[in-house]
Amino acid sequence: MKRAPAARRKGFRYEDRLACMILAGGAPALVVCLVFLWRSSFTATERWTYAAALVGVWLGFALAARKTVIHPLRTLGNMIAGLREGDYSTRAREGNADDVLGGLYAEANALSRMLSEQRLRAMEATALLGQVMAEIDVAVFAFDGARTLKLVNRAGEALLAQPRDRLLGQTVEGLGLTELVESPQPVVVERSFPRGHGRWSVRSSTFWERGLPHRLLIVQDLTRTLREEQIQAWQRLVRVIGHELNNSLTPIKSIAESLRTLLRRQPPAPDWLGDADDGLAVIAGRADGLARFMDAYSRLAKLPPPRIGRVQVTDWVRRVVGLETRLAVAVQEGAPVTVSGDGDQLDQLLINVVRNAVDAALATGGGVALSWRCDRSGLSLWVDDEGPGLPNTTNLFVPFFTTKPGGSGIGLVLSRQIAEAHGGQLSLENRSDRTGCRAILRLPV
């Protein structure tokens, strides 16, 4: 088998082809000149001298033209090689912008500057991401397609009680994270890690790098957060119950001491029976108040889960508004819509909201209006009153906090619990168009 010539195997270089084309372009004129020169009356020496001069000019211009074309291309090739290697400092000499070559130089320089700025931004973003991952108290693990650990942050090292150098390169199975990585949706698990035992929020997802799927695992310790929430809940509970108990036990203790003093007096006062009866009546009243308080708290703490059914919003609103006899509530009906929910609990929710609005409106002689609309986000129902407004919205949903004489302070709290149990929200805010309050209920359709 014959081997091809080396020049053919490697290919005829572009600069050689260009030189041949330039020489070929001037060859006809050179041949004509030489023919006329040889037919002239010049001596042989003159003919060879002129012929050498013509050939020299022809070769000189051909080589100059070759260099004029090849040099810019070689410059651009060096720039592109530098860009490929990550060197963005090379710049081509700026030329005339109206010139084709000058425009090409300008575009190459602009590309180099753009890539340099992009690399700088990418480096800054990567540094920021690395700093954030190092500082957050959430364990982050990244596995490649072969289920090998490629990235772990400081919290992940602490969770597995191993340094980064020993963790990187281990498989999911070797780290004991198989069930967490394969979890299809976020879950809360209770398990032991080398760091300790507790409850953990686990989220696993897929991301792509260089066209290949990778797995991202995020593990967050919920033990401390839940413990803090429990402590805060107990503190709020103790504060509320202690406040209510002190309000009742303080007068009971005072009256009991007065009754003891009254019974020890010798001889007894003529009206001691009336004073004793009045004191015992106060003690009985405060005890009854404590009983009502505990009953209200029991209702708040034992709200049953909703029994889901279909609720027509128009019928629901008309039914609740019809129960309010102290003031006519203006209803601006929205589009007919049906929501899923517990009809009895939704009635209780809207009754509390409408009743609060009517109480506020009666204080100033104003009115109450109710309306609703439905969009992609769900049902939005609002109740507007023309009362005095809300002086402070901070404690509105604190259990047993009330601004109404004789109020229990659980109506709004119970209403919000019902709304959240249905996947919705309940909020109160002062109206922007006039004095008064607006209660907004949002429910999924």
Protein backbone atom coordinates (compact mmCIF):
# COMPACT_ATOMS: atom_id res chain seq x y z
CA MET A 1 0.00 0.00 0.00
CA LYS A 2 1.44 3.30 -1.10
CA ARG A 3 1.75 6.10 1.44
CA ALA A 4 0.61 9.56 0.45
CA PRO A 5 3.22 12.30 0.24
CA ALA A 6 3.86 14.17 3.47
CA ALA A 7 2.66 17.47 2.02
CA ARG A 8 -0.57 15.85 0.95
CA ARG A 9 -1.08 14.06 4.24
CA LYS A 10 -0.62 17.24 6.25
CA GLY A 11 -2.51 19.39 3.78
CA PHE A 12 -1.41 22.36 1.73
CA ARG A 13 -1.12 25.29 4.13
CA TYR A 14 -3.34 28.30 3.67
CA GLU A 15 -0.41 30.72 3.40
CA ASP A 16 1.19 28.54 0.70
CA ARG A 17 -2.05 28.41 -1.27
CA LEU A 18 -2.38 32.16 -0.91
CA ALA A 19 1.19 32.73 -2.17
CA CYS A 20 0.57 30.47 -5.16
CA MET A 21 -2.61 32.32 -6.05
CA ILE A 22 -0.84 35.69 -5.84
CA LEU A 23 2.04 34.43 -7.98
CA ALA A 24 -0.41 32.91 -10.46
CA GLY A 25 -2.26 36.21 -10.69
CA GLY A 26 0.88 38.10 -11.73
CA ALA A 27 2.39 35.34 -13.88
CA PRO A 28 0.52 36.21 -17.16
CA ALA A 29 1.72 39.80 -17.04
CA LEU A 30 5.26 38.66 -16.28
CA VAL A 31 5.23 36.23 -19.21
CA VAL A 32 4.00 38.91 -21.59
CA CYS A 33 6.69 41.29 -20.39
CA LEU A 34 9.39 38.67 -20.80
CA VAL A 35 8.19 37.82 -24.35
CA PHE A 36 8.33 41.45 -25.40
CA LEU A 37 11.66 41.84 -23.66
CA TRP A 38 13.18 38.89 -25.56
CA ARG A 39 11.89 40.17 -28.92
CA SER A 40 13.32 43.61 -28.33
CA SER A 41 16.65 44.89 -29.65
CA PHE A 42 18.30 44.81 -26.20
CA THR A 43 21.52 42.97 -25.76
CA ALA A 44 21.51 39.63 -23.94
CA THR A 45 22.97 41.21 -20.83
CA GLU A 46 20.28 43.90 -20.77
CA ARG A 47 17.59 41.32 -21.34
CA TRP A 48 18.72 39.19 -18.40
CA THR A 49 19.07 42.26 -16.21
CA TYR A 50 15.56 43.50 -17.00
CA ALA A 51 14.16 39.98 -16.67
CA ALA A 52 15.76 39.59 -13.24
CA ALA A 53 14.33 42.94 -12.20
CA LEU A 54 10.82 41.98 -13.36
CA VAL A 55 10.98 38.63 -11.59
CA GLY A 56 12.29 40.29 -8.42
CA VAL A 57 9.46 42.87 -8.40
CA TRP A 58 6.93 40.10 -9.09
CA LEU A 59 8.21 37.95 -6.18
CA GLY A 60 8.56 40.96 -3.87
CA PHE A 61 4.98 42.10 -4.33
CA ALA A 62 3.72 38.52 -4.00
CA LEU A 63 5.53 38.02 -0.70
CA ALA A 64 4.41 41.44 0.55
CA ALA A 65 0.79 40.63 -0.30
CA ARG A 66 1.12 37.28 1.45
CA LYS A 67 2.50 38.93 4.57
CA THR A 68 -0.24 41.59 4.53
CA VAL A 69 -2.90 38.89 4.65
CA ILE A 70 -1.19 36.33 6.89
CA HIS A 71 0.05 38.65 9.66
CA PRO A 72 -3.44 39.87 10.78
CA LEU A 73 -4.76 36.31 10.69
CA ARG A 74 -1.85 35.11 12.80
CA THR A 75 -2.50 37.94 15.28
CA LEU A 76 -6.18 37.02 15.54
CA GLY A 77 -5.22 33.36 15.92
CA ASN A 78 -2.96 34.19 18.84
CA MET A 79 -5.75 36.24 20.44
CA ILE A 80 -8.26 33.40 20.10
CA ALA A 81 -5.74 30.91 21.50
CA GLY A 82 -5.21 33.23 24.46
CA LEU A 83 -8.97 33.51 25.02
CA ARG A 84 -9.27 29.73 24.91
CA GLU A 85 -6.53 29.45 27.53
CA GLY A 86 -8.14 32.12 29.71
CA ASP A 87 -5.71 34.93 28.88
CA TYR A 88 -7.79 38.04 28.19
CA SER A 89 -4.94 40.56 28.31
CA THR A 90 -3.95 40.31 24.62
CA ARG A 91 -5.30 43.09 22.41
CA ALA A 92 -5.07 43.63 18.66
CA ARG A 93 -3.85 46.95 17.29
CA GLU A 94 -6.84 49.20 16.72
CA GLY A 95 -7.24 50.23 13.06
CA ASN A 96 -9.68 52.18 10.96
CA ALA A 97 -13.19 51.26 12.07
CA ASP A 98 -14.46 51.62 8.47
CA ASP A 99 -11.90 49.11 7.29
CA VAL A 100 -12.84 45.44 7.22
CA LEU A 101 -9.68 44.42 9.06
CA GLY A 102 -10.00 47.32 11.52
CA GLY A 103 -13.59 46.30 12.26
CA LEU A 104 -12.46 42.72 12.83
CA TYR A 105 -9.76 43.90 15.26
CA ALA A 106 -12.32 46.05 17.11
CA GLU A 107 -14.76 43.14 17.47
CA ALA A 108 -11.99 40.83 18.69
CA ASN A 109 -10.91 43.40 21.31
CA ALA A 110 -14.54 43.89 22.39
CA LEU A 111 -14.96 40.12 22.74
CA SER A 112 -11.80 39.92 24.85
CA ARG A 113 -13.01 42.71 27.15
CA MET A 114 -16.45 41.13 27.51
CA LEU A 115 -15.02 37.72 28.39
CA SER A 116 -12.65 39.35 30.87
CA GLU A 117 -15.56 41.12 32.61
CA GLN A 118 -17.65 37.95 32.60
CA ARG A 119 -14.82 35.95 34.16
CA LEU A 120 -14.38 38.60 36.83
CA ARG A 121 -18.09 38.56 37.65
CA ALA A 122 -18.09 34.75 37.67
CA MET A 123 -15.12 34.68 40.03
CA GLU A 124 -16.80 37.18 42.35
CA ALA A 125 -20.08 35.23 42.27
CA THR A 126 -18.26 31.97 42.92
CA ALA A 127 -16.38 33.51 45.85
CA LEU A 128 -19.63 34.88 47.28
CA LEU A 129 -21.37 31.52 46.83
CA GLY A 130 -18.49 29.74 48.52
CA GLN A 131 -18.58 32.18 51.43
CA VAL A 132 -22.35 31.81 51.81
CA MET A 133 -22.15 28.02 51.70
CA ALA A 134 -19.38 28.06 54.28
CA GLU A 135 -21.32 30.30 56.67
CA ILE A 136 -24.88 28.93 56.46
CA ASP A 137 -25.92 26.44 59.11
CA VAL A 138 -27.35 24.03 56.53
CA ALA A 139 -25.51 20.95 55.28
CA VAL A 140 -25.10 20.94 51.48
CA PHE A 141 -23.89 17.91 49.50
CA ALA A 142 -23.48 17.64 45.71
CA PHE A 143 -23.09 14.24 44.00
CA ASP A 144 -22.15 13.56 40.38
CA GLY A 145 -23.77 11.05 38.04
CA ALA A 146 -21.73 8.24 39.57
CA ARG A 147 -23.20 9.16 43.01
CA THR A 148 -19.80 10.37 44.20
CA LEU A 149 -19.54 13.35 46.50
CA LYS A 150 -18.05 16.35 44.69
CA LEU A 151 -18.94 19.26 46.99
CA VAL A 152 -19.65 19.69 50.70
CA ASN A 153 -19.76 22.76 52.90
CA ARG A 154 -18.62 23.32 56.46
CA ALA A 155 -22.00 22.35 57.95
CA GLY A 156 -21.88 19.08 55.99
CA GLU A 157 -18.46 18.31 57.42
CA ALA A 158 -19.79 18.93 60.93
CA LEU A 159 -22.90 16.82 60.26
CA LEU A 160 -20.85 13.79 59.23
CA ALA A 161 -17.99 14.59 61.64
CA GLN A 162 -15.34 14.19 58.95
CA PRO A 163 -13.07 16.67 57.17
CA ARG A 164 -13.69 17.64 53.57
CA ASP A 165 -10.66 15.72 52.27
CA ARG A 166 -12.02 12.44 53.62
CA LEU A 167 -15.58 13.07 52.45
CA LEU A 168 -14.91 14.07 48.84
CA GLY A 169 -14.84 11.07 46.55
CA GLN A 170 -17.01 8.84 48.74
CA THR A 171 -20.23 7.41 47.35
CA VAL A 172 -23.76 7.98 48.59
CA GLU A 173 -23.85 4.44 49.97
CA GLY A 174 -20.54 4.91 51.75
CA LEU A 175 -21.82 8.05 53.47
CA GLY A 176 -25.13 6.41 54.47
CA LEU A 177 -27.24 9.02 52.68
CA THR A 178 -28.96 6.78 50.11
CA GLU A 179 -32.52 7.15 51.38
CA LEU A 180 -32.12 10.92 51.75
CA VAL A 181 -30.72 11.45 48.26
CA GLU A 182 -33.45 9.32 46.70
CA SER A 183 -36.27 11.13 48.53
CA PRO A 184 -38.64 12.43 45.81
CA GLN A 185 -39.92 15.37 47.85
CA PRO A 186 -38.97 17.41 50.92
CA VAL A 187 -39.41 15.40 54.11
CA VAL A 188 -38.78 15.77 57.83
CA VAL A 189 -37.00 12.77 59.32
CA GLU A 190 -35.81 11.80 62.75
CA ARG A 191 -32.50 9.99 62.65
CA SER A 192 -28.98 9.93 63.97
CA PHE A 193 -25.91 11.38 62.28
CA PRO A 194 -22.36 11.40 63.62
CA ARG A 195 -23.16 14.93 64.80
CA GLY A 196 -26.06 13.67 66.90
CA HIS A 197 -29.72 12.65 66.96
CA GLY A 198 -32.56 14.97 66.06
CA ARG A 199 -35.17 16.01 63.54
CA TRP A 200 -33.95 17.07 60.13
CA SER A 201 -35.49 18.74 57.11
CA VAL A 202 -34.27 16.98 53.95
CA ARG A 203 -34.56 18.31 50.41
CA SER A 204 -33.08 16.54 47.39
CA SER A 205 -33.13 17.76 43.79
CA THR A 206 -31.41 17.26 40.43
CA PHE A 207 -29.19 19.79 38.70
CA TRP A 208 -27.26 19.56 35.45
CA GLU A 209 -23.60 20.22 34.82
CA ARG A 210 -21.89 19.69 31.44
CA GLY A 211 -24.99 17.91 30.21
CA LEU A 212 -24.93 15.30 33.00
CA PRO A 213 -27.40 14.98 35.90
CA HIS A 214 -26.14 15.59 39.44
CA ARG A 215 -27.91 15.34 42.80
CA LEU A 216 -28.06 18.10 45.39
CA LEU A 217 -28.85 17.18 48.99
CA ILE A 218 -29.69 19.77 51.67
CA VAL A 219 -30.05 18.73 55.31
CA GLN A 220 -31.19 21.24 57.95
CA ASP A 221 -31.32 20.66 61.69
CA LEU A 222 -34.79 21.43 63.00
CA THR A 223 -34.19 20.41 66.60
CA ARG A 224 -32.96 23.79 67.79
CA THR A 225 -35.59 25.69 65.81
CA LEU A 226 -38.43 23.52 67.12
CA ARG A 227 -37.09 23.79 70.65
CA GLU A 228 -36.97 27.58 70.42
CA GLU A 229 -40.50 27.65 69.01
CA GLN A 230 -41.71 25.41 71.82
CA ILE A 231 -40.06 27.63 74.43
CA GLN A 232 -41.62 30.74 72.91
CA ALA A 233 -45.01 29.03 72.77
CA TRP A 234 -44.74 28.02 76.42
CA GLN A 235 -43.65 31.51 77.38
CA ARG A 236 -46.64 33.05 75.59
CA LEU A 237 -48.95 30.49 77.18
CA VAL A 238 -47.58 31.08 80.69
CA ARG A 239 -47.73 34.85 80.19
CA VAL A 240 -51.37 34.78 79.06
CA ILE A 241 -52.54 32.30 81.70
CA GLY A 242 -50.55 34.05 84.42
CA HIS A 243 -52.06 37.40 83.46
CA GLU A 244 -55.59 36.01 83.57
CA LEU A 245 -55.01 34.13 86.82
CA ASN A 246 -53.53 37.19 88.51
CA ASN A 247 -56.50 39.28 87.41
CA SER A 248 -58.78 36.83 89.20
CA LEU A 249 -56.68 35.61 92.12
CA THR A 250 -55.62 39.08 93.29
CA PRO A 251 -59.18 40.29 94.08
CA ILE A 252 -60.09 36.84 95.42
CA LYS A 253 -57.17 36.95 97.85
CA SER A 254 -57.98 40.49 98.91
CA ILE A 255 -61.66 39.73 99.50
CA ALA A 256 -60.81 36.49 101.35
CA GLU A 257 -58.53 38.42 103.73
CA SER A 258 -61.28 40.98 104.28
CA LEU A 259 -63.79 38.21 105.03
CA ARG A 260 -61.40 36.60 107.55
CA THR A 261 -60.98 39.92 109.29
CA LEU A 262 -64.75 40.39 109.28
CA LEU A 263 -65.39 36.96 110.83
CA ARG A 264 -62.75 37.47 113.57
CA ARG A 265 -64.20 40.77 114.70
CA GLN A 266 -65.89 40.54 118.13
CA PRO A 267 -68.58 41.50 118.42
CA PRO A 268 -69.54 41.07 114.74
CA ALA A 269 -70.51 44.16 112.78
CA PRO A 270 -74.26 44.61 112.37
CA ASP A 271 -74.04 44.34 108.54
CA TRP A 272 -71.42 41.56 108.39
CA LEU A 273 -73.82 39.17 106.66
CA GLY A 274 -74.32 41.59 103.77
CA ASP A 275 -70.58 42.25 103.46
CA ALA A 276 -69.86 38.51 103.52
CA ASP A 277 -72.51 37.87 100.89
CA ASP A 278 -71.08 40.60 98.63
CA GLY A 279 -67.55 39.27 99.03
CA LEU A 280 -68.56 35.70 98.28
CA ALA A 281 -70.48 36.94 95.23
CA VAL A 282 -67.30 38.62 93.92
CA ILE A 283 -65.31 35.44 94.54
CA ALA A 284 -67.94 33.38 92.72
CA GLY A 285 -67.91 35.84 89.81
CA ARG A 286 -64.15 35.68 89.45
CA ALA A 287 -64.23 31.88 89.66
CA ASP A 288 -66.87 31.85 86.94
CA GLY A 289 -64.63 34.15 84.87
CA LEU A 290 -61.75 31.72 85.26
CA ALA A 291 -64.03 28.89 84.15
CA ARG A 292 -65.02 30.85 81.04
CA PHE A 293 -61.36 31.57 80.35
CA MET A 294 -60.42 27.90 80.51
CA ASP A 295 -63.40 27.00 78.32
CA ALA A 296 -62.33 29.58 75.74
CA TYR A 297 -58.76 28.27 75.79
CA SER A 298 -60.03 24.72 75.40
CA ARG A 299 -62.00 25.77 72.31
CA LEU A 300 -58.91 27.41 70.86
CA ALA A 301 -56.63 24.44 71.56
CA LYS A 302 -59.04 21.72 70.38
CA LEU A 303 -60.11 23.01 66.98
CA PRO A 304 -60.95 19.86 65.01
CA PRO A 305 -59.60 19.35 61.47
CA PRO A 306 -61.99 20.60 58.78
CA ARG A 307 -64.38 18.18 57.12
CA ILE A 308 -63.94 19.17 53.50
CA GLY A 309 -67.00 19.71 51.35
CA ARG A 310 -68.22 22.08 48.64
CA VAL A 311 -69.22 25.55 49.80
CA GLN A 312 -71.01 28.00 47.49
CA VAL A 313 -69.59 31.42 48.37
CA THR A 314 -72.79 33.33 47.53
CA ASP A 315 -74.94 31.13 49.79
CA TRP A 316 -72.28 31.18 52.50
CA VAL A 317 -72.10 34.99 52.57
CA ARG A 318 -75.89 35.44 52.50
CA ARG A 319 -76.32 32.94 55.32
CA VAL A 320 -73.79 34.69 57.59
CA VAL A 321 -74.95 38.22 56.78
CA GLY A 322 -78.54 37.19 57.53
CA LEU A 323 -77.53 36.33 61.10
CA GLU A 324 -76.42 39.91 61.82
CA THR A 325 -79.50 41.84 63.02
CA ARG A 326 -77.87 44.90 64.58
CA LEU A 327 -76.76 46.47 61.28
CA ALA A 328 -77.52 45.86 57.61
CA VAL A 329 -74.33 44.68 55.92
CA ALA A 330 -74.00 45.86 52.31
CA VAL A 331 -73.02 42.92 50.09
CA GLN A 332 -71.49 43.49 46.67
CA GLU A 333 -71.61 40.04 45.13
CA GLY A 334 -68.71 38.80 43.07
CA ALA A 335 -68.66 36.03 40.50
CA PRO A 336 -70.27 32.73 41.58
CA VAL A 337 -67.55 30.45 42.87
CA THR A 338 -67.26 27.26 44.91
CA VAL A 339 -64.54 26.55 47.49
CA SER A 340 -63.59 23.36 49.27
CA GLY A 341 -63.92 23.58 53.04
CA ASP A 342 -65.80 22.85 56.23
CA GLY A 343 -69.06 24.79 56.02
CA ASP A 344 -69.54 25.02 59.78
CA GLN A 345 -66.01 26.26 60.44
CA LEU A 346 -66.16 28.77 57.58
CA ASP A 347 -69.46 30.04 58.99
CA GLN A 348 -67.81 30.51 62.38
CA LEU A 349 -64.88 32.32 60.76
CA LEU A 350 -67.02 34.77 58.79
CA ILE A 351 -69.41 35.32 61.70
CA ASN A 352 -66.50 36.43 63.89
CA VAL A 353 -65.14 38.77 61.21
CA VAL A 354 -68.53 40.34 60.42
CA ARG A 355 -69.37 40.69 64.11
CA ASN A 356 -66.10 42.53 64.79
CA ALA A 357 -66.75 44.83 61.82
CA VAL A 358 -70.28 45.61 63.03
CA ASP A 359 -69.04 46.29 66.57
CA ALA A 360 -66.50 48.77 65.19
CA ALA A 361 -69.04 50.44 62.88
CA LEU A 362 -71.65 50.85 65.64
CA ALA A 363 -69.08 52.72 67.74
CA THR A 364 -68.96 55.52 65.14
CA GLY A 365 -72.32 55.15 63.43
CA GLY A 366 -70.76 53.89 60.21
CA GLY A 367 -71.54 50.97 57.94
CA VAL A 368 -70.10 47.61 56.87
CA ALA A 369 -69.59 46.34 53.33
CA LEU A 370 -68.64 42.85 52.12
CA SER A 371 -67.46 41.72 48.70
CA TRP A 372 -65.28 39.12 47.01
CA ARG A 373 -63.49 38.25 43.78
CA CYS A 374 -61.80 35.19 42.37
CA ASP A 375 -58.59 35.06 40.31
CA ARG A 376 -55.67 32.71 39.71
CA SER A 377 -54.48 33.08 43.29
CA GLY A 378 -57.85 31.95 44.69
CA LEU A 379 -60.78 33.58 46.46
CA SER A 380 -60.29 37.00 48.09
CA LEU A 381 -63.10 38.12 50.40
CA TRP A 382 -62.94 41.40 52.29
CA VAL A 383 -65.09 43.05 54.94
CA ASP A 384 -64.81 46.85 55.24
CA ASP A 385 -66.09 48.78 58.25
CA GLU A 386 -66.32 52.51 58.91
CA GLY A 387 -65.23 52.27 62.51
CA PRO A 388 -62.35 54.02 64.30
CA GLY A 389 -59.66 51.79 62.75
CA LEU A 390 -56.86 49.85 64.39
CA PRO A 391 -54.53 51.80 66.70
CA ASN A 392 -52.10 48.86 66.85
CA THR A 393 -52.09 45.71 64.75
CA THR A 394 -49.28 43.95 66.63
CA ASN A 395 -51.43 42.04 69.12
CA LEU A 396 -54.52 41.41 67.00
CA PHE A 397 -53.87 37.68 66.76
CA VAL A 398 -52.46 37.20 70.26
CA PRO A 399 -54.77 34.84 72.19
CA PHE A 400 -57.04 36.57 74.76
CA PHE A 401 -55.95 40.05 73.68
CA THR A 402 -59.02 42.21 73.14
CA THR A 403 -59.91 45.89 72.93
CA LYS A 404 -63.65 45.33 73.42
CA PRO A 405 -65.25 45.39 76.89
CA GLY A 406 -66.28 41.86 77.74
CA GLY A 407 -64.45 40.38 74.74
CA SER A 408 -62.84 36.95 75.00
CA GLY A 409 -59.88 37.69 72.77
CA ILE A 410 -60.10 34.39 70.88
CA GLY A 411 -62.41 35.29 67.97
CA LEU A 412 -59.73 36.52 65.58
CA VAL A 413 -57.24 33.86 66.69
CA LEU A 414 -59.81 31.11 66.10
CA SER A 415 -60.75 32.63 62.74
CA ARG A 416 -57.16 32.71 61.57
CA GLN A 417 -56.65 29.09 62.67
CA ILE A 418 -59.68 28.08 60.60
CA ALA A 419 -58.38 30.01 57.57
CA GLU A 420 -54.92 28.43 57.81
CA ALA A 421 -56.44 24.97 58.31
CA HIS A 422 -58.13 25.51 54.92
CA GLY A 423 -54.84 26.57 53.30
CA GLY A 424 -55.78 30.26 53.38
CA GLN A 425 -54.92 33.47 55.20
CA LEU A 426 -56.71 36.06 57.30
CA SER A 427 -55.32 39.55 57.77
CA LEU A 428 -56.54 42.90 59.12
CA GLU A 429 -55.36 46.35 58.10
CA ASN A 430 -56.48 49.94 58.27
CA ARG A 431 -58.29 51.25 55.22
CA SER A 432 -56.41 53.63 52.96
CA ASP A 433 -59.46 55.42 51.51
CA ARG A 434 -61.03 56.45 54.83
CA THR A 435 -61.14 55.69 58.55
CA GLY A 436 -61.93 52.10 59.28
CA CYS A 437 -60.61 48.58 59.03
CA ARG A 438 -60.50 45.97 56.27
CA ALA A 439 -60.44 42.24 56.99
CA ILE A 440 -59.14 40.17 54.07
CA LEU A 441 -59.76 36.43 53.83
CA ARG A 442 -57.93 34.43 51.13
CA LEU A 443 -58.90 30.86 50.36
CA PRO A 444 -57.76 28.49 47.61
CA VAL A 445 -60.43 27.62 45.06
